[in-house]
Amino acid sequence: MDEMSERIGDYWDLLSDEEKIIYNKIYGHVVKLGYRPKKEKKKSVSYNFVHKVVKKSILKFSSEHGVPFLKLKFFAAKKYSEFFTEALRKTIEEFDFKYTGCYECGKCKNTPQGYTINYEDGRTFFRCGHELIELFGIDSNHINEINKLIEIQHEYYLKNT
């Protein structure tokens, strides 16, 4: 039994054998950076990964109706693949562009922190960086980029804490 299955066994139980390999590699990376899973008080199985120094969430292992998925913050990255652009687009469009723009919550000091996405028709939308972006259908091809985005976001938090 590995560390992930011991620490978050109820989430582990939701994963297929292939997903266990993928999620375990992401889990190991984020834990190595100092993030620890904290179980959320929800009906679904969900773990939020928070760092004790930066006190920010960077990753969440969630589920809905027993289907596991991952949520990630990666607004500090200037470039990422089309997979992540599409995940951002889906998140923005999910509620018909309702949750876009700065919420003016006061968490950002000077400049709003978040994602900007440009549409081919010239429209531009901003999504608050304090929100995690849902990633469905991740596979082994996404592991390295997910871990790289986690590193970029972590470094950003370390510099801005």
N, C-alpha and C. Protein backbone atom coordinates (compact mmCIF):
# COMPACT_ATOMS: atom_id res chain seq x y z
N MET A 1 0.85 -1.17 0.00
CA MET A 1 0.00 0.00 0.00
C MET A 1 0.90 1.24 0.00
N ASP A 2 0.62 2.22 -0.86
CA ASP A 2 1.45 3.42 -0.92
C ASP A 2 0.86 4.55 -0.08
N GLU A 3 1.59 5.66 -0.02
CA GLU A 3 1.20 6.78 0.83
C GLU A 3 -0.16 7.36 0.44
N MET A 4 -0.42 7.49 -0.86
CA MET A 4 -1.70 8.06 -1.29
C MET A 4 -2.86 7.21 -0.83
N SER A 5 -2.77 5.91 -1.02
CA SER A 5 -3.89 5.04 -0.64
C SER A 5 -4.08 5.01 0.88
N GLU A 6 -3.00 5.22 1.63
CA GLU A 6 -3.11 5.28 3.09
C GLU A 6 -3.73 6.58 3.57
N ARG A 7 -3.35 7.71 2.95
CA ARG A 7 -3.80 9.02 3.42
C ARG A 7 -5.18 9.41 2.92
N ILE A 8 -5.51 9.01 1.71
CA ILE A 8 -6.82 9.39 1.16
C ILE A 8 -7.47 8.17 0.51
N GLY A 9 -7.58 7.12 1.30
CA GLY A 9 -8.06 5.84 0.81
C GLY A 9 -9.44 5.85 0.20
N ASP A 10 -10.36 6.67 0.72
CA ASP A 10 -11.71 6.70 0.16
C ASP A 10 -11.71 7.28 -1.25
N TYR A 11 -10.80 8.21 -1.54
CA TYR A 11 -10.69 8.74 -2.90
C TYR A 11 -10.00 7.70 -3.79
N TRP A 12 -8.96 7.10 -3.27
CA TRP A 12 -8.21 6.06 -3.97
C TRP A 12 -9.16 4.97 -4.47
N ASP A 13 -10.14 4.61 -3.63
CA ASP A 13 -11.08 3.55 -3.97
C ASP A 13 -11.96 3.89 -5.18
N LEU A 14 -12.09 5.18 -5.50
CA LEU A 14 -12.89 5.61 -6.65
C LEU A 14 -12.15 5.46 -7.98
N LEU A 15 -10.84 5.34 -7.90
CA LEU A 15 -10.00 5.37 -9.10
C LEU A 15 -9.85 3.99 -9.75
N SER A 16 -9.79 4.01 -11.08
CA SER A 16 -9.46 2.79 -11.82
C SER A 16 -7.96 2.53 -11.63
N ASP A 17 -7.50 1.38 -12.05
CA ASP A 17 -6.07 1.06 -11.93
C ASP A 17 -5.21 2.08 -12.68
N GLU A 18 -5.64 2.46 -13.88
CA GLU A 18 -4.90 3.45 -14.67
C GLU A 18 -4.90 4.82 -13.98
N GLU A 19 -6.05 5.22 -13.45
CA GLU A 19 -6.15 6.50 -12.75
C GLU A 19 -5.29 6.51 -11.49
N LYS A 20 -5.18 5.38 -10.81
CA LYS A 20 -4.34 5.30 -9.61
C LYS A 20 -2.89 5.65 -9.94
N ILE A 21 -2.41 5.18 -11.06
CA ILE A 21 -1.03 5.47 -11.48
C ILE A 21 -0.89 6.98 -11.74
N ILE A 22 -1.83 7.55 -12.46
CA ILE A 22 -1.79 8.97 -12.82
C ILE A 22 -1.89 9.84 -11.57
N TYR A 23 -2.92 9.61 -10.78
CA TYR A 23 -3.15 10.44 -9.60
C TYR A 23 -2.04 10.28 -8.57
N ASN A 24 -1.48 9.11 -8.47
CA ASN A 24 -0.41 8.88 -7.51
C ASN A 24 0.84 9.70 -7.87
N LYS A 25 1.13 9.84 -9.16
CA LYS A 25 2.28 10.64 -9.60
C LYS A 25 2.05 12.12 -9.30
N ILE A 26 0.84 12.58 -9.47
CA ILE A 26 0.51 13.97 -9.16
C ILE A 26 0.53 14.18 -7.64
N TYR A 27 -0.05 13.24 -6.92
CA TYR A 27 -0.08 13.29 -5.47
C TYR A 27 1.34 13.35 -4.89
N GLY A 28 2.20 12.48 -5.36
CA GLY A 28 3.58 12.45 -4.87
C GLY A 28 4.30 13.76 -5.11
N HIS A 29 4.04 14.36 -6.26
CA HIS A 29 4.70 15.62 -6.62
C HIS A 29 4.23 16.76 -5.71
N VAL A 30 2.94 16.87 -5.52
CA VAL A 30 2.40 17.99 -4.74
C VAL A 30 2.76 17.83 -3.25
N VAL A 31 2.80 16.62 -2.78
CA VAL A 31 3.21 16.37 -1.38
C VAL A 31 4.69 16.71 -1.20
N LYS A 32 5.50 16.39 -2.20
CA LYS A 32 6.93 16.72 -2.15
C LYS A 32 7.14 18.23 -2.03
N LEU A 33 6.25 19.02 -2.61
CA LEU A 33 6.33 20.48 -2.53
C LEU A 33 5.80 21.03 -1.21
N GLY A 34 5.23 20.15 -0.38
CA GLY A 34 4.76 20.58 0.94
C GLY A 34 3.27 20.75 1.09
N TYR A 35 2.51 20.35 0.09
CA TYR A 35 1.04 20.44 0.18
C TYR A 35 0.51 19.17 0.83
N ARG A 36 -0.51 19.32 1.65
CA ARG A 36 -1.11 18.19 2.35
C ARG A 36 -2.60 18.13 2.07
N PRO A 37 -3.12 16.93 1.91
CA PRO A 37 -4.55 16.80 1.63
C PRO A 37 -5.38 17.01 2.90
N LYS A 38 -6.43 17.77 2.74
CA LYS A 38 -7.38 17.97 3.83
C LYS A 38 -8.76 17.59 3.31
N LYS A 39 -9.39 16.66 3.98
CA LYS A 39 -10.71 16.20 3.54
C LYS A 39 -11.73 17.31 3.72
N GLU A 40 -12.51 17.54 2.68
CA GLU A 40 -13.55 18.55 2.75
C GLU A 40 -14.84 17.93 3.29
N LYS A 41 -15.60 18.73 3.96
CA LYS A 41 -16.87 18.27 4.52
C LYS A 41 -17.94 18.42 3.45
N LYS A 42 -18.05 17.41 2.63
CA LYS A 42 -19.01 17.37 1.53
C LYS A 42 -19.61 15.98 1.48
N LYS A 43 -20.71 15.87 0.75
CA LYS A 43 -21.29 14.54 0.53
C LYS A 43 -20.39 13.71 -0.36
N SER A 44 -19.76 14.35 -1.35
CA SER A 44 -18.85 13.64 -2.24
C SER A 44 -17.47 13.56 -1.59
N VAL A 45 -16.64 12.67 -2.08
CA VAL A 45 -15.28 12.53 -1.58
C VAL A 45 -14.42 13.61 -2.24
N SER A 46 -13.80 14.45 -1.41
CA SER A 46 -13.03 15.57 -1.93
C SER A 46 -11.90 15.92 -0.97
N TYR A 47 -10.71 16.12 -1.53
CA TYR A 47 -9.54 16.51 -0.76
C TYR A 47 -8.92 17.75 -1.37
N ASN A 48 -8.70 18.75 -0.54
CA ASN A 48 -8.09 20.00 -0.94
C ASN A 48 -6.64 19.99 -0.46
N PHE A 49 -5.69 20.33 -1.33
CA PHE A 49 -4.27 20.32 -0.98
C PHE A 49 -3.83 21.76 -0.69
N VAL A 50 -3.40 21.97 0.56
CA VAL A 50 -3.02 23.30 1.03
C VAL A 50 -1.60 23.23 1.59
N HIS A 51 -0.85 24.27 1.36
CA HIS A 51 0.53 24.38 1.85
C HIS A 51 0.53 25.18 3.15
N LYS A 52 1.27 24.71 4.16
CA LYS A 52 1.23 25.37 5.47
C LYS A 52 1.90 26.74 5.46
N VAL A 53 2.82 27.00 4.54
CA VAL A 53 3.48 28.30 4.48
C VAL A 53 2.68 29.28 3.63
N VAL A 54 2.34 28.89 2.41
CA VAL A 54 1.62 29.81 1.52
C VAL A 54 0.13 29.88 1.84
N LYS A 55 -0.36 28.89 2.55
CA LYS A 55 -1.75 28.84 2.99
C LYS A 55 -2.76 29.01 1.85
N LYS A 56 -2.41 28.41 0.74
CA LYS A 56 -3.28 28.47 -0.44
C LYS A 56 -3.49 27.06 -0.97
N SER A 57 -4.65 26.88 -1.56
CA SER A 57 -4.97 25.63 -2.23
C SER A 57 -4.41 25.68 -3.64
N ILE A 58 -3.87 24.57 -4.09
CA ILE A 58 -3.32 24.51 -5.44
C ILE A 58 -3.95 23.38 -6.25
N LEU A 59 -4.52 22.41 -5.53
CA LEU A 59 -5.02 21.20 -6.16
C LEU A 59 -6.15 20.62 -5.33
N LYS A 60 -7.08 20.01 -6.01
CA LYS A 60 -8.16 19.33 -5.31
C LYS A 60 -8.47 18.04 -6.05
N PHE A 61 -8.53 16.95 -5.31
CA PHE A 61 -9.05 15.70 -5.84
C PHE A 61 -10.51 15.66 -5.43
N SER A 62 -11.41 15.66 -6.40
CA SER A 62 -12.84 15.70 -6.13
C SER A 62 -13.54 14.55 -6.82
N SER A 63 -14.80 14.43 -6.49
CA SER A 63 -15.64 13.45 -7.17
C SER A 63 -17.06 14.00 -7.22
N GLU A 64 -17.78 13.51 -8.17
CA GLU A 64 -19.19 13.85 -8.30
C GLU A 64 -19.91 12.59 -8.74
N HIS A 65 -20.86 12.17 -7.94
CA HIS A 65 -21.59 10.92 -8.20
C HIS A 65 -20.64 9.74 -8.38
N GLY A 66 -19.58 9.73 -7.57
CA GLY A 66 -18.61 8.64 -7.61
C GLY A 66 -17.61 8.70 -8.74
N VAL A 67 -17.64 9.76 -9.55
CA VAL A 67 -16.71 9.92 -10.67
C VAL A 67 -15.60 10.88 -10.24
N PRO A 68 -14.36 10.39 -10.19
CA PRO A 68 -13.26 11.25 -9.74
C PRO A 68 -12.80 12.22 -10.82
N PHE A 69 -12.35 13.38 -10.38
CA PHE A 69 -11.72 14.35 -11.27
C PHE A 69 -10.79 15.21 -10.45
N LEU A 70 -10.05 16.04 -11.12
CA LEU A 70 -9.03 16.86 -10.50
C LEU A 70 -9.36 18.32 -10.76
N LYS A 71 -9.08 19.19 -9.80
CA LYS A 71 -9.18 20.63 -9.97
C LYS A 71 -7.81 21.21 -9.70
N LEU A 72 -7.43 22.20 -10.48
CA LEU A 72 -6.08 22.73 -10.41
C LEU A 72 -6.08 24.25 -10.55
N LYS A 73 -5.14 24.90 -9.84
CA LYS A 73 -4.86 26.33 -10.06
C LYS A 73 -3.58 26.41 -10.86
N PHE A 74 -3.63 27.20 -11.93
CA PHE A 74 -2.42 27.34 -12.74
C PHE A 74 -2.33 28.72 -13.39
N PHE A 75 -2.97 29.72 -12.77
CA PHE A 75 -3.00 31.06 -13.38
C PHE A 75 -1.62 31.71 -13.48
N ALA A 76 -0.66 31.28 -12.67
CA ALA A 76 0.68 31.87 -12.72
C ALA A 76 1.43 31.48 -13.99
N ALA A 77 1.01 30.41 -14.65
CA ALA A 77 1.66 29.96 -15.88
C ALA A 77 1.25 30.86 -17.04
N LYS A 78 2.21 31.28 -17.80
CA LYS A 78 1.93 32.14 -18.96
C LYS A 78 1.53 31.32 -20.18
N LYS A 79 2.01 30.07 -20.23
CA LYS A 79 1.70 29.21 -21.37
C LYS A 79 1.29 27.84 -20.86
N TYR A 80 0.34 27.25 -21.55
CA TYR A 80 -0.06 25.88 -21.27
C TYR A 80 -0.73 25.33 -22.52
N SER A 81 -0.89 24.03 -22.55
CA SER A 81 -1.39 23.37 -23.74
C SER A 81 -2.87 23.63 -23.97
N GLU A 82 -3.31 23.22 -25.14
CA GLU A 82 -4.71 23.38 -25.53
C GLU A 82 -5.64 22.64 -24.56
N PHE A 83 -5.19 21.53 -23.99
CA PHE A 83 -5.99 20.78 -23.02
C PHE A 83 -6.42 21.68 -21.87
N PHE A 84 -5.49 22.48 -21.35
CA PHE A 84 -5.79 23.35 -20.22
C PHE A 84 -6.58 24.58 -20.65
N THR A 85 -6.34 25.06 -21.86
CA THR A 85 -7.15 26.15 -22.41
C THR A 85 -8.60 25.71 -22.54
N GLU A 86 -8.81 24.50 -23.02
CA GLU A 86 -10.17 23.98 -23.17
C GLU A 86 -10.84 23.76 -21.82
N ALA A 87 -10.08 23.32 -20.82
CA ALA A 87 -10.64 23.16 -19.48
C ALA A 87 -11.07 24.51 -18.93
N LEU A 88 -10.27 25.53 -19.15
CA LEU A 88 -10.62 26.89 -18.73
C LEU A 88 -11.86 27.38 -19.47
N ARG A 89 -11.90 27.15 -20.77
CA ARG A 89 -13.04 27.57 -21.58
C ARG A 89 -14.32 26.87 -21.09
N LYS A 90 -14.23 25.59 -20.82
CA LYS A 90 -15.39 24.84 -20.34
C LYS A 90 -15.86 25.38 -18.99
N THR A 91 -14.91 25.70 -18.11
CA THR A 91 -15.26 26.25 -16.80
C THR A 91 -15.98 27.58 -16.95
N ILE A 92 -15.48 28.44 -17.82
CA ILE A 92 -16.09 29.76 -18.04
C ILE A 92 -17.47 29.63 -18.67
N GLU A 93 -17.61 28.72 -19.61
CA GLU A 93 -18.88 28.58 -20.33
C GLU A 93 -19.92 27.77 -19.57
N GLU A 94 -19.48 27.02 -18.56
CA GLU A 94 -20.38 26.12 -17.83
C GLU A 94 -21.61 26.84 -17.28
N PHE A 95 -21.42 28.05 -16.79
CA PHE A 95 -22.53 28.83 -16.24
C PHE A 95 -22.83 30.04 -17.11
N ASP A 96 -22.65 29.87 -18.42
CA ASP A 96 -22.98 30.89 -19.40
C ASP A 96 -22.28 32.22 -19.10
N PHE A 97 -20.98 32.14 -18.80
CA PHE A 97 -20.11 33.30 -18.58
C PHE A 97 -20.47 34.09 -17.32
N LYS A 98 -21.28 33.52 -16.46
CA LYS A 98 -21.75 34.23 -15.26
C LYS A 98 -20.62 34.51 -14.27
N TYR A 99 -19.71 33.58 -14.08
CA TYR A 99 -18.66 33.73 -13.07
C TYR A 99 -17.34 34.16 -13.72
N THR A 100 -17.36 35.30 -14.35
CA THR A 100 -16.17 35.87 -14.97
C THR A 100 -15.95 37.26 -14.38
N GLY A 101 -14.78 37.78 -14.63
CA GLY A 101 -14.42 39.09 -14.10
C GLY A 101 -13.89 38.95 -12.68
N CYS A 102 -13.36 40.04 -12.19
CA CYS A 102 -12.84 40.07 -10.81
C CYS A 102 -14.03 40.19 -9.86
N TYR A 103 -14.01 39.40 -8.81
CA TYR A 103 -15.09 39.42 -7.82
C TYR A 103 -14.92 40.55 -6.81
N GLU A 104 -13.76 41.22 -6.87
CA GLU A 104 -13.42 42.29 -5.93
C GLU A 104 -13.56 41.83 -4.48
N CYS A 105 -13.01 40.65 -4.21
CA CYS A 105 -13.10 40.04 -2.88
C CYS A 105 -12.01 40.54 -1.94
N GLY A 106 -11.00 41.21 -2.48
CA GLY A 106 -9.92 41.73 -1.66
C GLY A 106 -8.75 40.78 -1.49
N LYS A 107 -8.80 39.59 -2.05
CA LYS A 107 -7.70 38.63 -1.91
C LYS A 107 -6.48 39.03 -2.73
N CYS A 108 -6.70 39.69 -3.83
CA CYS A 108 -5.59 40.17 -4.66
C CYS A 108 -5.15 41.53 -4.12
N LYS A 109 -3.85 41.75 -4.08
CA LYS A 109 -3.37 43.01 -3.51
C LYS A 109 -3.53 44.18 -4.46
N ASN A 110 -2.98 44.12 -5.64
CA ASN A 110 -3.03 45.24 -6.58
C ASN A 110 -3.70 44.86 -7.89
N THR A 111 -3.15 43.85 -8.52
CA THR A 111 -3.63 43.41 -9.82
C THR A 111 -4.43 42.12 -9.65
N PRO A 112 -5.60 42.04 -10.27
CA PRO A 112 -6.36 40.78 -10.17
C PRO A 112 -5.53 39.59 -10.65
N GLN A 113 -5.57 38.52 -9.88
CA GLN A 113 -4.84 37.30 -10.20
C GLN A 113 -5.82 36.31 -10.80
N GLY A 114 -5.52 35.85 -12.00
CA GLY A 114 -6.41 34.89 -12.62
C GLY A 114 -6.04 34.56 -14.04
N TYR A 115 -7.01 34.02 -14.72
CA TYR A 115 -6.84 33.53 -16.08
C TYR A 115 -7.52 34.48 -17.05
N THR A 116 -6.90 34.71 -18.18
CA THR A 116 -7.53 35.47 -19.25
C THR A 116 -7.61 34.57 -20.46
N ILE A 117 -8.77 34.55 -21.06
CA ILE A 117 -8.96 33.73 -22.25
C ILE A 117 -9.54 34.59 -23.35
N ASN A 118 -8.97 34.45 -24.54
CA ASN A 118 -9.42 35.21 -25.70
C ASN A 118 -10.16 34.28 -26.65
N TYR A 119 -11.31 34.73 -27.09
CA TYR A 119 -12.10 33.98 -28.05
C TYR A 119 -11.80 34.50 -29.46
N GLU A 120 -12.01 33.65 -30.45
CA GLU A 120 -11.72 34.02 -31.83
C GLU A 120 -12.54 35.22 -32.31
N ASP A 121 -13.72 35.43 -31.71
CA ASP A 121 -14.55 36.55 -32.13
C ASP A 121 -14.15 37.87 -31.47
N GLY A 122 -13.03 37.86 -30.73
CA GLY A 122 -12.52 39.08 -30.12
C GLY A 122 -12.90 39.28 -28.66
N ARG A 123 -13.81 38.47 -28.15
CA ARG A 123 -14.19 38.61 -26.75
C ARG A 123 -13.06 38.10 -25.86
N THR A 124 -12.90 38.74 -24.72
CA THR A 124 -11.91 38.34 -23.73
C THR A 124 -12.60 38.21 -22.39
N PHE A 125 -12.29 37.14 -21.67
CA PHE A 125 -12.90 36.92 -20.36
C PHE A 125 -11.81 36.65 -19.33
N PHE A 126 -12.07 37.09 -18.12
CA PHE A 126 -11.18 36.89 -16.99
C PHE A 126 -11.87 35.96 -16.00
N ARG A 127 -11.14 35.01 -15.47
CA ARG A 127 -11.65 34.09 -14.45
C ARG A 127 -10.76 34.23 -13.22
N CYS A 128 -11.36 34.42 -12.08
CA CYS A 128 -10.64 34.61 -10.83
C CYS A 128 -9.68 33.44 -10.59
N GLY A 129 -8.45 33.75 -10.23
CA GLY A 129 -7.44 32.74 -9.97
C GLY A 129 -7.62 32.00 -8.66
N HIS A 130 -8.50 32.47 -7.83
CA HIS A 130 -8.75 31.77 -6.56
C HIS A 130 -9.68 30.58 -6.76
N GLU A 131 -10.23 30.47 -7.95
CA GLU A 131 -11.07 29.34 -8.32
C GLU A 131 -10.20 28.27 -8.98
N LEU A 132 -10.48 27.03 -8.66
CA LEU A 132 -9.75 25.94 -9.30
C LEU A 132 -10.46 25.56 -10.60
N ILE A 133 -9.70 25.09 -11.56
CA ILE A 133 -10.22 24.71 -12.87
C ILE A 133 -10.35 23.19 -12.92
N GLU A 134 -11.54 22.71 -13.28
CA GLU A 134 -11.80 21.27 -13.34
C GLU A 134 -11.12 20.66 -14.55
N LEU A 135 -10.46 19.52 -14.31
CA LEU A 135 -9.82 18.77 -15.39
C LEU A 135 -10.42 17.38 -15.44
N PHE A 136 -11.16 17.12 -16.48
CA PHE A 136 -11.73 15.79 -16.69
C PHE A 136 -10.93 15.09 -17.78
N GLY A 137 -10.88 13.79 -17.69
CA GLY A 137 -10.25 13.00 -18.75
C GLY A 137 -8.74 13.13 -18.81
N ILE A 138 -8.11 13.33 -17.66
CA ILE A 138 -6.65 13.38 -17.69
C ILE A 138 -6.11 11.97 -17.93
N ASP A 139 -4.99 11.93 -18.61
CA ASP A 139 -4.33 10.64 -18.85
C ASP A 139 -2.84 10.80 -18.61
N SER A 140 -2.10 9.77 -18.86
CA SER A 140 -0.66 9.79 -18.56
C SER A 140 0.08 10.87 -19.35
N ASN A 141 -0.46 11.29 -20.49
CA ASN A 141 0.17 12.35 -21.28
C ASN A 141 0.11 13.71 -20.59
N HIS A 142 -0.77 13.88 -19.61
CA HIS A 142 -0.95 15.16 -18.93
C HIS A 142 -0.14 15.29 -17.65
N ILE A 143 0.40 14.20 -17.15
CA ILE A 143 1.07 14.20 -15.83
C ILE A 143 2.20 15.24 -15.77
N ASN A 144 3.11 15.22 -16.72
CA ASN A 144 4.25 16.13 -16.68
C ASN A 144 3.81 17.58 -16.71
N GLU A 145 2.84 17.91 -17.55
CA GLU A 145 2.39 19.30 -17.63
C GLU A 145 1.65 19.70 -16.36
N ILE A 146 0.83 18.83 -15.82
CA ILE A 146 0.14 19.13 -14.56
C ILE A 146 1.17 19.42 -13.47
N ASN A 147 2.17 18.56 -13.35
CA ASN A 147 3.19 18.75 -12.33
C ASN A 147 4.01 20.03 -12.57
N LYS A 148 4.26 20.36 -13.82
CA LYS A 148 4.97 21.60 -14.14
C LYS A 148 4.11 22.81 -13.77
N LEU A 149 2.83 22.77 -14.07
CA LEU A 149 1.93 23.88 -13.72
C LEU A 149 1.83 24.04 -12.21
N ILE A 150 1.84 22.93 -11.49
CA ILE A 150 1.84 22.97 -10.02
C ILE A 150 3.10 23.68 -9.53
N GLU A 151 4.25 23.35 -10.11
CA GLU A 151 5.51 23.99 -9.72
C GLU A 151 5.48 25.49 -9.98
N ILE A 152 5.00 25.88 -11.14
CA ILE A 152 4.93 27.30 -11.49
C ILE A 152 4.02 28.04 -10.52
N GLN A 153 2.87 27.46 -10.23
CA GLN A 153 1.93 28.10 -9.30
C GLN A 153 2.52 28.16 -7.90
N HIS A 154 3.18 27.09 -7.48
CA HIS A 154 3.81 27.06 -6.16
C HIS A 154 4.88 28.13 -6.03
N GLU A 155 5.74 28.24 -7.04
CA GLU A 155 6.79 29.28 -7.03
C GLU A 155 6.17 30.67 -6.97
N TYR A 156 5.10 30.87 -7.69
CA TYR A 156 4.40 32.16 -7.65
C TYR A 156 3.92 32.46 -6.23
N TYR A 157 3.32 31.47 -5.59
CA TYR A 157 2.86 31.66 -4.21
C TYR A 157 4.01 31.93 -3.26
N LEU A 158 5.11 31.22 -3.41
CA LEU A 158 6.26 31.45 -2.53
C LEU A 158 6.79 32.88 -2.67
N LYS A 159 6.84 33.39 -3.89
CA LYS A 159 7.34 34.76 -4.13
C LYS A 159 6.36 35.80 -3.61
N ASN A 160 5.09 35.49 -3.59
CA ASN A 160 4.06 36.49 -3.26
C ASN A 160 3.40 36.26 -1.90
N THR A 161 4.06 35.52 -1.03
CA THR A 161 3.51 35.27 0.31
C THR A 161 4.12 36.22 1.31
